[in-house]
Protein backbone atom coordinates (compact mmCIF):
# COMPACT_ATOMS: atom_id res chain seq x y z
CA MET A 1 -3.65 82.51 14.04
CA LYS A 2 -2.83 82.10 10.62
CA THR A 3 -0.69 79.56 10.61
CA ILE A 4 -2.65 77.27 12.98
CA ALA A 5 -5.43 77.74 10.12
CA LEU A 6 -3.19 76.55 7.36
CA PHE A 7 -2.13 73.70 9.57
CA THR A 8 -5.55 72.33 10.58
CA LEU A 9 -6.89 73.15 6.82
CA LEU A 10 -3.69 71.23 5.29
CA VAL A 11 -4.28 67.94 8.24
CA VAL A 12 -8.20 67.49 7.26
CA ALA A 13 -7.23 67.95 3.72
CA GLN A 14 -5.07 64.77 4.20
CA LEU A 15 -7.51 62.73 6.47
CA GLY A 16 -9.94 63.19 3.37
CA PHE A 17 -7.99 61.92 0.94
CA ALA A 18 -6.66 58.81 2.85
CA GLN A 19 -10.07 58.34 3.57
CA LYS A 20 -10.95 58.51 -0.56
CA ALA A 21 -8.20 56.71 -1.13
CA ALA A 22 -9.12 53.22 0.63
CA LEU A 23 -9.91 50.32 -1.07
CA THR A 24 -13.01 48.54 0.20
CA TRP A 25 -11.93 44.70 0.75
CA TYR A 26 -15.27 42.33 0.87
CA THR A 27 -15.23 39.65 3.28
CA ASP A 28 -18.46 38.57 2.32
CA VAL A 29 -18.57 36.15 -1.26
CA ASN A 30 -22.40 36.85 -2.02
CA GLU A 31 -21.66 40.64 -1.91
CA ALA A 32 -18.71 40.73 -3.75
CA SER A 33 -20.53 38.75 -6.11
CA ALA A 34 -23.51 41.22 -6.85
CA ILE A 35 -20.98 43.91 -6.88
CA ALA A 36 -18.89 42.40 -8.70
CA LYS A 37 -21.80 41.62 -11.70
CA LYS A 38 -23.24 44.89 -11.26
CA GLU A 39 -19.75 46.75 -11.99
CA ASN A 40 -18.99 43.89 -14.79
CA LYS A 41 -15.36 43.16 -13.18
CA PRO A 42 -14.13 39.63 -12.27
CA MET A 43 -13.57 39.72 -8.73
CA MET A 44 -9.88 38.81 -6.57
CA LEU A 45 -10.13 36.47 -4.01
CA PHE A 46 -7.00 37.04 -1.64
CA PHE A 47 -6.77 33.96 0.82
CA THR A 48 -4.47 34.65 3.68
CA GLY A 49 -3.69 34.53 7.17
CA SER A 50 -3.34 37.80 8.10
CA ASP A 51 -1.90 36.95 11.60
CA TRP A 52 0.61 34.53 11.18
CA CYS A 53 1.65 34.43 7.72
CA GLY A 54 4.68 36.24 6.68
CA TRP A 55 4.11 36.32 2.72
CA CYS A 56 0.99 37.20 3.28
CA VAL A 57 1.80 40.26 5.25
CA ARG A 58 5.13 40.74 2.57
CA LEU A 59 2.65 40.58 -0.19
CA GLN A 60 0.29 43.33 1.36
CA LYS A 61 3.06 45.74 2.51
CA GLU A 62 5.17 45.51 -1.13
CA VAL A 63 1.95 45.60 -3.23
CA PHE A 64 -1.86 45.92 -1.36
CA ASN A 65 -0.81 48.78 0.54
CA THR A 66 0.50 50.97 -2.47
CA PRO A 67 -0.77 53.37 -4.64
CA GLU A 68 -0.12 51.97 -7.96
CA PHE A 69 -2.34 48.74 -6.39
CA GLU A 70 -4.81 50.77 -5.32
CA THR A 71 -5.40 52.76 -8.61
CA TRP A 72 -5.24 49.53 -10.89
CA ALA A 73 -7.55 47.15 -8.33
CA LYS A 74 -10.49 50.41 -8.54
CA ALA A 75 -9.90 50.04 -12.22
CA ASN A 76 -10.14 46.34 -12.31
CA VAL A 77 -10.92 44.02 -9.77
CA ILE A 78 -13.67 43.66 -6.88
CA LEU A 79 -11.49 42.58 -3.73
CA VAL A 80 -12.50 40.03 -0.89
CA GLU A 81 -10.61 39.04 1.33
CA LEU A 82 -11.12 35.15 2.24
CA ASP A 83 -8.55 35.14 6.17
CA PHE A 84 -7.79 31.84 7.99
CA PRO A 85 -6.38 33.95 11.55
CA LYS A 86 -4.79 32.17 14.21
CA TYR A 87 -6.13 34.97 16.79
CA LYS A 88 -8.72 37.18 15.33
CA PRO A 89 -11.49 36.64 16.23
CA GLN A 90 -14.37 35.73 13.41
CA SER A 91 -17.92 34.49 12.86
CA GLU A 92 -18.93 31.14 12.21
CA GLU A 93 -20.87 32.01 9.12
CA ILE A 94 -17.10 33.37 7.84
CA LYS A 95 -15.19 30.87 9.02
CA ILE A 96 -17.37 28.11 6.82
CA GLN A 97 -17.61 30.59 3.86
CA ASN A 98 -14.03 30.87 4.02
CA ARG A 99 -12.92 26.92 4.42
CA THR A 100 -15.39 26.09 1.65
CA LEU A 101 -13.94 28.29 -0.72
CA GLN A 102 -10.41 27.03 0.18
CA GLN A 103 -11.25 23.59 -0.84
CA GLN A 104 -13.14 24.74 -4.03
CA PHE A 105 -9.85 26.52 -5.37
CA ALA A 106 -7.56 23.74 -3.60
CA VAL A 107 -6.11 26.62 -2.31
CA ARG A 108 -2.74 24.90 -0.35
CA GLY A 109 -0.67 28.24 0.35
CA TYR A 110 -0.83 31.20 1.39
CA PRO A 111 -1.01 34.14 -0.39
CA THR A 112 -3.02 32.91 -2.70
CA CYS A 113 -4.76 34.97 -5.29
CA TRP A 114 -7.88 33.56 -7.62
CA PHE A 115 -9.17 35.75 -9.84
CA VAL A 116 -12.95 34.90 -11.23
CA ARG A 117 -16.19 35.85 -12.50
CA PRO A 118 -19.42 35.51 -10.73
CA GLU A 119 -21.98 33.65 -13.27
CA LYS A 120 -25.48 33.46 -12.59
CA MET A 121 -26.72 29.51 -13.13
CA SER A 122 -30.16 28.68 -14.07
CA ASP A 123 -31.15 27.66 -10.67
CA GLY A 124 -30.92 31.44 -9.45
CA LYS A 125 -27.23 30.62 -7.42
CA THR A 126 -24.10 31.88 -8.51
CA ASN A 127 -21.01 30.15 -10.05
CA LEU A 128 -17.47 31.94 -9.61
CA VAL A 129 -15.35 30.68 -12.51
CA GLN A 130 -11.99 30.34 -13.05
CA ILE A 131 -9.47 32.77 -14.34
CA GLY A 132 -6.25 32.11 -12.88
CA SER A 133 -4.00 32.30 -9.93
CA LYS A 134 -1.57 33.91 -8.44
CA GLY A 135 0.27 34.50 -5.13
CA TYR A 136 3.50 36.74 -3.87
CA GLU A 137 6.00 37.82 -6.76
CA ALA A 138 8.91 40.00 -6.32
CA GLY A 139 8.94 43.41 -7.79
CA GLY A 140 6.82 45.78 -5.90
CA PRO A 141 3.31 46.79 -7.61
CA ALA A 142 4.14 47.50 -11.03
CA ASN A 143 5.37 43.77 -11.67
CA TRP A 144 2.54 42.21 -9.90
CA THR A 145 -0.31 44.26 -11.25
CA THR A 146 1.02 43.73 -14.89
CA GLY A 147 1.39 39.85 -14.39
CA ALA A 148 -2.53 39.89 -12.88
CA GLY A 149 -3.92 42.04 -15.57
CA MET A 150 -2.88 39.81 -18.09
CA LEU A 151 -4.42 37.06 -16.27
CA ILE A 152 -8.04 38.79 -16.58
CA LYS A 153 -7.64 40.62 -19.40
CA PRO A 154 -10.55 39.08 -22.00
CA ASN A 155 -9.59 37.38 -24.48
């Protein structure tokens, strides 16, 4: 009986840890902008084809789904996924938002990550100030986050 209780406790503890460690990927740029302003962090806009782009899947597997990236991202950026799926359903509002940002940032290939700072304009609208961009890069999470960190480092 003690073994079952101990096993149950370990499983529950693991589930609780896994839920805490999960990153938040926003899909609404306005929501992410508000959080970025509040936390004084840049946003990382991840342009992806989640259900068809092999390099996007590879970047997620090798970098984004690692504990090293999670630690870095939580400390440094607000994550935004701008997806262009072939099969996964999306609302028309999200499709329009994503296409507009794709055109604004002249994204021609996937995956592309743009680092931006939301800036409030005098008319009340938010402008996304470009910091720099990055795509797939071999070398694992440490290599990728080092390069990204150099882009977002304040001057």
